[in-house]
Amino acid sequence: MRSRDFSTWMWSEALSLLEQADRLQRQFFRPPTAEARAWEPPVDVIETEDGVTIHIALPGVPPDSIAVRFDPDGISVCAAREFPAREGTARIHALEIPYGRFERRIVLPMHALALVGQDLQNGCLTLRLGRKEAV
């Protein structure tokens, strides 16, 4: 039983490292654009028999700055989270929350999906995509 726990841990660590490597690759080797992207919000993409639900964590992002674009091969979500204005001088002890413009691209077969709903609650944008009926 102990070897099974080690195997599970090993696979969990390997998947975590692959996820980190993928994020670094996207951050440093993406094609240059007119505006630099400063960060990427985390997303959950959940597929069911009825369609796909996407949750995008956007705490602190003003709703009027969020733009969702649908392309034949996926969805792009763009927005910006501004650094809070401070009066006077301040010493920063920790700065872990990312600020600035972002664009997050999610590759999906949009020819088979259609937006059926979207909602922004508690800093989380939820996009619901239903399956198109075959013609």
N, C-alpha and C. Protein backbone atom coordinates (compact mmCIF):
# COMPACT_ATOMS: atom_id res chain seq x y z
N MET A 1 0.83 -1.20 0.00
CA MET A 1 0.00 0.00 0.00
C MET A 1 0.87 1.25 0.00
N ARG A 2 2.01 1.18 0.65
CA ARG A 2 2.90 2.32 0.73
C ARG A 2 3.41 2.73 -0.65
N SER A 3 3.69 1.77 -1.52
CA SER A 3 4.19 2.11 -2.85
C SER A 3 3.10 2.82 -3.67
N ARG A 4 1.85 2.49 -3.42
CA ARG A 4 0.75 3.16 -4.12
C ARG A 4 0.68 4.63 -3.71
N ASP A 5 0.85 4.92 -2.42
CA ASP A 5 0.86 6.31 -1.95
C ASP A 5 2.01 7.08 -2.59
N PHE A 6 3.18 6.45 -2.66
CA PHE A 6 4.33 7.10 -3.27
C PHE A 6 4.07 7.36 -4.75
N SER A 7 3.46 6.39 -5.42
CA SER A 7 3.15 6.55 -6.85
C SER A 7 2.16 7.70 -7.06
N THR A 8 1.13 7.78 -6.23
CA THR A 8 0.16 8.87 -6.33
C THR A 8 0.85 10.21 -6.10
N TRP A 9 1.68 10.28 -5.08
CA TRP A 9 2.41 11.52 -4.78
C TRP A 9 3.31 11.89 -5.95
N MET A 10 4.02 10.89 -6.51
CA MET A 10 4.95 11.15 -7.60
C MET A 10 4.19 11.71 -8.82
N TRP A 11 3.04 11.12 -9.16
CA TRP A 11 2.26 11.62 -10.29
C TRP A 11 1.71 13.01 -10.02
N SER A 12 1.29 13.25 -8.79
CA SER A 12 0.79 14.57 -8.43
C SER A 12 1.88 15.62 -8.58
N GLU A 13 3.08 15.32 -8.12
CA GLU A 13 4.21 16.25 -8.25
C GLU A 13 4.58 16.46 -9.72
N ALA A 14 4.57 15.38 -10.49
CA ALA A 14 4.91 15.49 -11.92
C ALA A 14 3.90 16.38 -12.64
N LEU A 15 2.62 16.20 -12.36
CA LEU A 15 1.59 17.04 -12.99
C LEU A 15 1.72 18.49 -12.56
N SER A 16 2.05 18.71 -11.30
CA SER A 16 2.26 20.08 -10.82
C SER A 16 3.43 20.74 -11.54
N LEU A 17 4.52 20.02 -11.72
CA LEU A 17 5.68 20.56 -12.43
C LEU A 17 5.36 20.84 -13.89
N LEU A 18 4.60 19.96 -14.53
CA LEU A 18 4.20 20.19 -15.92
C LEU A 18 3.33 21.43 -16.04
N GLU A 19 2.42 21.62 -15.08
CA GLU A 19 1.57 22.81 -15.09
C GLU A 19 2.40 24.08 -14.93
N GLN A 20 3.37 24.06 -14.03
CA GLN A 20 4.25 25.22 -13.84
C GLN A 20 5.07 25.49 -15.10
N ALA A 21 5.58 24.43 -15.71
CA ALA A 21 6.38 24.60 -16.94
C ALA A 21 5.52 25.17 -18.06
N ASP A 22 4.27 24.71 -18.17
CA ASP A 22 3.37 25.22 -19.20
C ASP A 22 3.09 26.70 -18.98
N ARG A 23 2.85 27.10 -17.73
CA ARG A 23 2.59 28.51 -17.42
C ARG A 23 3.81 29.37 -17.75
N LEU A 24 5.01 28.90 -17.39
CA LEU A 24 6.23 29.64 -17.71
C LEU A 24 6.43 29.75 -19.22
N GLN A 25 6.16 28.66 -19.93
CA GLN A 25 6.31 28.67 -21.38
C GLN A 25 5.37 29.70 -22.00
N ARG A 26 4.11 29.72 -21.54
CA ARG A 26 3.16 30.70 -22.07
C ARG A 26 3.59 32.12 -21.72
N GLN A 27 4.15 32.29 -20.53
CA GLN A 27 4.53 33.63 -20.08
C GLN A 27 5.73 34.17 -20.86
N PHE A 28 6.73 33.35 -21.12
CA PHE A 28 7.97 33.84 -21.70
C PHE A 28 8.09 33.64 -23.21
N PHE A 29 7.35 32.72 -23.79
CA PHE A 29 7.54 32.41 -25.20
C PHE A 29 6.30 32.64 -26.05
N ARG A 30 5.37 33.44 -25.59
CA ARG A 30 4.20 33.75 -26.40
C ARG A 30 4.57 34.79 -27.44
N PRO A 31 3.83 34.85 -28.54
CA PRO A 31 4.16 35.83 -29.58
C PRO A 31 3.98 37.25 -29.05
N PRO A 32 4.84 38.17 -29.48
CA PRO A 32 4.71 39.55 -29.02
C PRO A 32 3.43 40.19 -29.54
N THR A 33 2.83 41.04 -28.73
CA THR A 33 1.63 41.77 -29.13
C THR A 33 1.88 43.25 -28.92
N ALA A 34 0.95 44.05 -29.40
CA ALA A 34 1.11 45.50 -29.27
C ALA A 34 1.16 45.92 -27.81
N GLU A 35 0.36 45.27 -26.96
CA GLU A 35 0.36 45.58 -25.54
C GLU A 35 0.86 44.36 -24.77
N ALA A 36 1.73 44.60 -23.83
CA ALA A 36 2.27 43.50 -23.04
C ALA A 36 1.22 43.00 -22.05
N ARG A 37 1.18 41.70 -21.87
CA ARG A 37 0.29 41.10 -20.88
C ARG A 37 1.11 40.85 -19.62
N ALA A 38 0.58 41.23 -18.49
CA ALA A 38 1.33 41.14 -17.26
C ALA A 38 1.07 39.85 -16.49
N TRP A 39 -0.09 39.25 -16.65
CA TRP A 39 -0.42 38.07 -15.86
C TRP A 39 -1.53 37.29 -16.53
N GLU A 40 -1.80 36.09 -16.03
CA GLU A 40 -2.89 35.25 -16.54
C GLU A 40 -3.72 34.77 -15.37
N PRO A 41 -5.03 34.95 -15.41
CA PRO A 41 -5.86 34.44 -14.32
C PRO A 41 -6.01 32.92 -14.44
N PRO A 42 -6.18 32.24 -13.31
CA PRO A 42 -6.43 30.80 -13.38
C PRO A 42 -7.83 30.52 -13.90
N VAL A 43 -7.98 29.41 -14.60
CA VAL A 43 -9.28 29.01 -15.15
C VAL A 43 -9.56 27.55 -14.82
N ASP A 44 -10.84 27.23 -14.75
CA ASP A 44 -11.32 25.85 -14.69
C ASP A 44 -12.19 25.65 -15.92
N VAL A 45 -11.95 24.59 -16.67
CA VAL A 45 -12.77 24.26 -17.84
C VAL A 45 -13.38 22.89 -17.56
N ILE A 46 -14.70 22.85 -17.48
CA ILE A 46 -15.41 21.63 -17.10
C ILE A 46 -16.35 21.24 -18.22
N GLU A 47 -16.17 20.03 -18.75
CA GLU A 47 -17.02 19.55 -19.85
C GLU A 47 -18.01 18.53 -19.32
N THR A 48 -19.26 18.67 -19.75
CA THR A 48 -20.32 17.71 -19.43
C THR A 48 -20.96 17.26 -20.73
N GLU A 49 -21.97 16.42 -20.63
CA GLU A 49 -22.68 15.98 -21.83
C GLU A 49 -23.36 17.14 -22.53
N ASP A 50 -23.78 18.14 -21.76
CA ASP A 50 -24.54 19.28 -22.31
C ASP A 50 -23.66 20.37 -22.89
N GLY A 51 -22.41 20.47 -22.46
CA GLY A 51 -21.56 21.55 -22.94
C GLY A 51 -20.33 21.75 -22.09
N VAL A 52 -19.87 22.99 -22.04
CA VAL A 52 -18.64 23.33 -21.33
C VAL A 52 -18.91 24.54 -20.44
N THR A 53 -18.41 24.48 -19.21
CA THR A 53 -18.49 25.61 -18.29
C THR A 53 -17.07 26.06 -17.99
N ILE A 54 -16.83 27.36 -18.08
CA ILE A 54 -15.51 27.93 -17.83
C ILE A 54 -15.63 28.90 -16.66
N HIS A 55 -14.79 28.71 -15.65
CA HIS A 55 -14.72 29.63 -14.51
C HIS A 55 -13.37 30.33 -14.59
N ILE A 56 -13.37 31.66 -14.56
CA ILE A 56 -12.14 32.45 -14.65
C ILE A 56 -12.07 33.33 -13.40
N ALA A 57 -11.01 33.17 -12.60
CA ALA A 57 -10.85 33.93 -11.36
C ALA A 57 -10.37 35.34 -11.68
N LEU A 58 -11.23 36.33 -11.40
CA LEU A 58 -10.91 37.73 -11.71
C LEU A 58 -11.17 38.66 -10.52
N PRO A 59 -10.72 38.30 -9.31
CA PRO A 59 -10.98 39.20 -8.18
C PRO A 59 -10.30 40.54 -8.37
N GLY A 60 -11.03 41.60 -8.07
CA GLY A 60 -10.48 42.95 -8.19
C GLY A 60 -10.47 43.52 -9.58
N VAL A 61 -10.99 42.78 -10.56
CA VAL A 61 -11.04 43.28 -11.94
C VAL A 61 -12.40 43.94 -12.15
N PRO A 62 -12.43 45.23 -12.52
CA PRO A 62 -13.71 45.90 -12.73
C PRO A 62 -14.49 45.25 -13.88
N PRO A 63 -15.78 44.99 -13.67
CA PRO A 63 -16.59 44.34 -14.71
C PRO A 63 -16.56 45.07 -16.06
N ASP A 64 -16.50 46.41 -16.05
CA ASP A 64 -16.52 47.14 -17.31
C ASP A 64 -15.21 47.05 -18.08
N SER A 65 -14.17 46.46 -17.48
CA SER A 65 -12.91 46.31 -18.21
C SER A 65 -12.77 44.94 -18.86
N ILE A 66 -13.73 44.04 -18.62
CA ILE A 66 -13.63 42.66 -19.12
C ILE A 66 -14.21 42.57 -20.53
N ALA A 67 -13.43 42.02 -21.45
CA ALA A 67 -13.87 41.79 -22.82
C ALA A 67 -13.72 40.30 -23.14
N VAL A 68 -14.78 39.70 -23.63
CA VAL A 68 -14.76 38.29 -24.03
C VAL A 68 -14.91 38.24 -25.54
N ARG A 69 -13.97 37.55 -26.20
CA ARG A 69 -13.99 37.45 -27.67
C ARG A 69 -14.06 35.97 -28.06
N PHE A 70 -14.96 35.67 -28.98
CA PHE A 70 -15.14 34.31 -29.47
C PHE A 70 -14.55 34.19 -30.86
N ASP A 71 -13.66 33.24 -31.05
CA ASP A 71 -13.06 32.94 -32.34
C ASP A 71 -13.43 31.51 -32.71
N PRO A 72 -13.22 31.11 -33.97
CA PRO A 72 -13.56 29.74 -34.36
C PRO A 72 -12.82 28.67 -33.54
N ASP A 73 -11.63 28.99 -33.04
CA ASP A 73 -10.85 27.98 -32.32
C ASP A 73 -10.75 28.25 -30.82
N GLY A 74 -11.57 29.14 -30.27
CA GLY A 74 -11.53 29.33 -28.83
C GLY A 74 -12.08 30.66 -28.36
N ILE A 75 -11.78 30.95 -27.10
CA ILE A 75 -12.26 32.15 -26.42
C ILE A 75 -11.06 32.91 -25.88
N SER A 76 -11.12 34.24 -25.96
CA SER A 76 -10.11 35.09 -25.33
C SER A 76 -10.82 36.01 -24.34
N VAL A 77 -10.26 36.10 -23.15
CA VAL A 77 -10.78 37.01 -22.13
C VAL A 77 -9.67 38.01 -21.84
N CYS A 78 -9.98 39.31 -22.00
CA CYS A 78 -9.01 40.38 -21.78
C CYS A 78 -9.57 41.34 -20.75
N ALA A 79 -8.68 41.88 -19.91
CA ALA A 79 -9.08 42.90 -18.94
C ALA A 79 -7.82 43.44 -18.29
N ALA A 80 -8.02 44.27 -17.28
CA ALA A 80 -6.89 44.83 -16.54
C ALA A 80 -7.28 45.01 -15.08
N ARG A 81 -6.34 44.72 -14.21
CA ARG A 81 -6.52 44.99 -12.78
C ARG A 81 -5.50 46.06 -12.43
N GLU A 82 -5.98 47.23 -12.02
CA GLU A 82 -5.10 48.37 -11.73
C GLU A 82 -4.55 48.28 -10.31
N PHE A 83 -3.32 48.73 -10.17
CA PHE A 83 -2.70 48.79 -8.85
C PHE A 83 -3.42 49.87 -8.05
N PRO A 84 -3.80 49.58 -6.80
CA PRO A 84 -4.54 50.57 -6.01
C PRO A 84 -3.72 51.84 -5.80
N ALA A 85 -4.36 52.97 -5.99
CA ALA A 85 -3.69 54.26 -5.81
C ALA A 85 -3.39 54.48 -4.33
N ARG A 86 -2.21 54.99 -4.06
CA ARG A 86 -1.78 55.30 -2.69
C ARG A 86 -1.37 56.75 -2.61
N GLU A 87 -1.71 57.39 -1.51
CA GLU A 87 -1.25 58.76 -1.29
C GLU A 87 0.01 58.72 -0.44
N GLY A 88 0.96 59.54 -0.79
CA GLY A 88 2.20 59.60 -0.02
C GLY A 88 3.12 58.45 -0.36
N THR A 89 4.07 58.22 0.51
CA THR A 89 5.03 57.14 0.29
C THR A 89 4.62 55.92 1.09
N ALA A 90 5.03 54.78 0.61
CA ALA A 90 4.71 53.52 1.28
C ALA A 90 5.85 52.54 1.04
N ARG A 91 6.05 51.67 1.99
CA ARG A 91 7.05 50.62 1.85
C ARG A 91 6.29 49.31 1.61
N ILE A 92 6.59 48.65 0.52
CA ILE A 92 5.91 47.41 0.17
C ILE A 92 6.65 46.26 0.83
N HIS A 93 5.92 45.46 1.61
CA HIS A 93 6.50 44.30 2.28
C HIS A 93 6.21 43.01 1.52
N ALA A 94 5.14 43.00 0.78
CA ALA A 94 4.80 41.85 -0.07
C ALA A 94 3.96 42.37 -1.23
N LEU A 95 4.20 41.82 -2.40
CA LEU A 95 3.44 42.22 -3.59
C LEU A 95 3.21 40.95 -4.42
N GLU A 96 2.19 40.19 -4.03
CA GLU A 96 1.93 38.90 -4.66
C GLU A 96 0.75 38.92 -5.62
N ILE A 97 -0.12 39.91 -5.49
CA ILE A 97 -1.29 40.00 -6.37
C ILE A 97 -0.84 40.62 -7.69
N PRO A 98 -1.10 39.93 -8.81
CA PRO A 98 -0.68 40.50 -10.10
C PRO A 98 -1.60 41.64 -10.53
N TYR A 99 -0.99 42.66 -11.15
CA TYR A 99 -1.72 43.82 -11.65
C TYR A 99 -1.35 44.04 -13.10
N GLY A 100 -2.19 44.82 -13.78
CA GLY A 100 -1.93 45.15 -15.18
C GLY A 100 -2.89 44.42 -16.10
N ARG A 101 -2.58 44.51 -17.37
CA ARG A 101 -3.42 43.92 -18.42
C ARG A 101 -3.15 42.43 -18.53
N PHE A 102 -4.18 41.68 -18.90
CA PHE A 102 -4.00 40.26 -19.18
C PHE A 102 -4.86 39.87 -20.37
N GLU A 103 -4.49 38.77 -20.98
CA GLU A 103 -5.32 38.11 -21.97
C GLU A 103 -5.17 36.62 -21.74
N ARG A 104 -6.29 35.94 -21.52
CA ARG A 104 -6.26 34.50 -21.32
C ARG A 104 -7.01 33.85 -22.46
N ARG A 105 -6.34 32.96 -23.16
CA ARG A 105 -6.91 32.27 -24.32
C ARG A 105 -7.22 30.83 -23.93
N ILE A 106 -8.41 30.38 -24.28
CA ILE A 106 -8.85 29.02 -24.00
C ILE A 106 -9.23 28.40 -25.33
N VAL A 107 -8.51 27.37 -25.72
CA VAL A 107 -8.74 26.71 -27.01
C VAL A 107 -9.90 25.73 -26.86
N LEU A 108 -10.93 25.94 -27.69
CA LEU A 108 -12.11 25.09 -27.70
C LEU A 108 -12.65 25.01 -29.13
N PRO A 109 -13.35 23.92 -29.46
CA PRO A 109 -13.96 23.83 -30.80
C PRO A 109 -15.26 24.64 -30.85
N MET A 110 -15.14 25.95 -31.09
CA MET A 110 -16.30 26.83 -31.04
C MET A 110 -17.33 26.53 -32.14
N HIS A 111 -16.92 25.83 -33.19
CA HIS A 111 -17.90 25.46 -34.22
C HIS A 111 -18.97 24.53 -33.65
N ALA A 112 -18.66 23.86 -32.53
CA ALA A 112 -19.61 22.93 -31.93
C ALA A 112 -20.25 23.48 -30.66
N LEU A 113 -19.88 24.72 -30.25
CA LEU A 113 -20.36 25.30 -29.00
C LEU A 113 -20.95 26.68 -29.23
N ALA A 114 -21.88 27.08 -28.37
CA ALA A 114 -22.48 28.42 -28.42
C ALA A 114 -22.65 28.92 -27.00
N LEU A 115 -22.43 30.21 -26.80
CA LEU A 115 -22.60 30.81 -25.48
C LEU A 115 -24.08 30.79 -25.10
N VAL A 116 -24.37 30.21 -23.93
CA VAL A 116 -25.76 30.18 -23.45
C VAL A 116 -25.93 31.01 -22.18
N GLY A 117 -24.82 31.45 -21.59
CA GLY A 117 -24.93 32.28 -20.40
C GLY A 117 -23.57 32.71 -19.89
N GLN A 118 -23.57 33.87 -19.24
CA GLN A 118 -22.35 34.32 -18.58
C GLN A 118 -22.74 35.10 -17.34
N ASP A 119 -21.87 35.02 -16.32
CA ASP A 119 -22.19 35.63 -15.04
C ASP A 119 -20.88 36.01 -14.35
N LEU A 120 -20.88 37.15 -13.67
CA LEU A 120 -19.73 37.58 -12.89
C LEU A 120 -20.18 37.76 -11.45
N GLN A 121 -19.73 36.86 -10.58
CA GLN A 121 -20.09 36.92 -9.17
C GLN A 121 -18.87 36.65 -8.32
N ASN A 122 -18.72 37.44 -7.26
CA ASN A 122 -17.63 37.24 -6.30
C ASN A 122 -16.27 37.14 -6.98
N GLY A 123 -16.06 37.92 -8.02
CA GLY A 123 -14.77 37.94 -8.69
C GLY A 123 -14.50 36.76 -9.59
N CYS A 124 -15.54 36.00 -9.93
CA CYS A 124 -15.37 34.83 -10.80
C CYS A 124 -16.31 34.97 -12.00
N LEU A 125 -15.73 34.99 -13.20
CA LEU A 125 -16.51 35.04 -14.44
C LEU A 125 -16.82 33.61 -14.85
N THR A 126 -18.10 33.31 -15.04
CA THR A 126 -18.53 31.99 -15.48
C THR A 126 -19.14 32.11 -16.87
N LEU A 127 -18.61 31.35 -17.80
CA LEU A 127 -19.14 31.27 -19.17
C LEU A 127 -19.72 29.88 -19.36
N ARG A 128 -20.98 29.81 -19.80
CA ARG A 128 -21.61 28.52 -20.07
C ARG A 128 -21.81 28.38 -21.57
N LEU A 129 -21.25 27.32 -22.11
CA LEU A 129 -21.33 27.05 -23.55
C LEU A 129 -22.11 25.76 -23.75
N GLY A 130 -23.15 25.83 -24.59
CA GLY A 130 -23.93 24.65 -24.90
C GLY A 130 -23.49 24.06 -26.23
N ARG A 131 -23.76 22.80 -26.39
CA ARG A 131 -23.41 22.14 -27.66
C ARG A 131 -24.42 22.52 -28.73
N LYS A 132 -23.91 22.83 -29.93
CA LYS A 132 -24.80 23.10 -31.06
C LYS A 132 -25.30 21.77 -31.60
N GLU A 133 -26.52 21.79 -32.07
CA GLU A 133 -27.08 20.56 -32.64
C GLU A 133 -26.47 20.32 -34.01
N ALA A 134 -26.16 19.05 -34.30
CA ALA A 134 -25.59 18.69 -35.60
C ALA A 134 -26.63 18.89 -36.68
N VAL A 135 -26.17 19.45 -37.81
CA VAL A 135 -27.09 19.72 -38.92
C VAL A 135 -26.96 18.63 -39.95
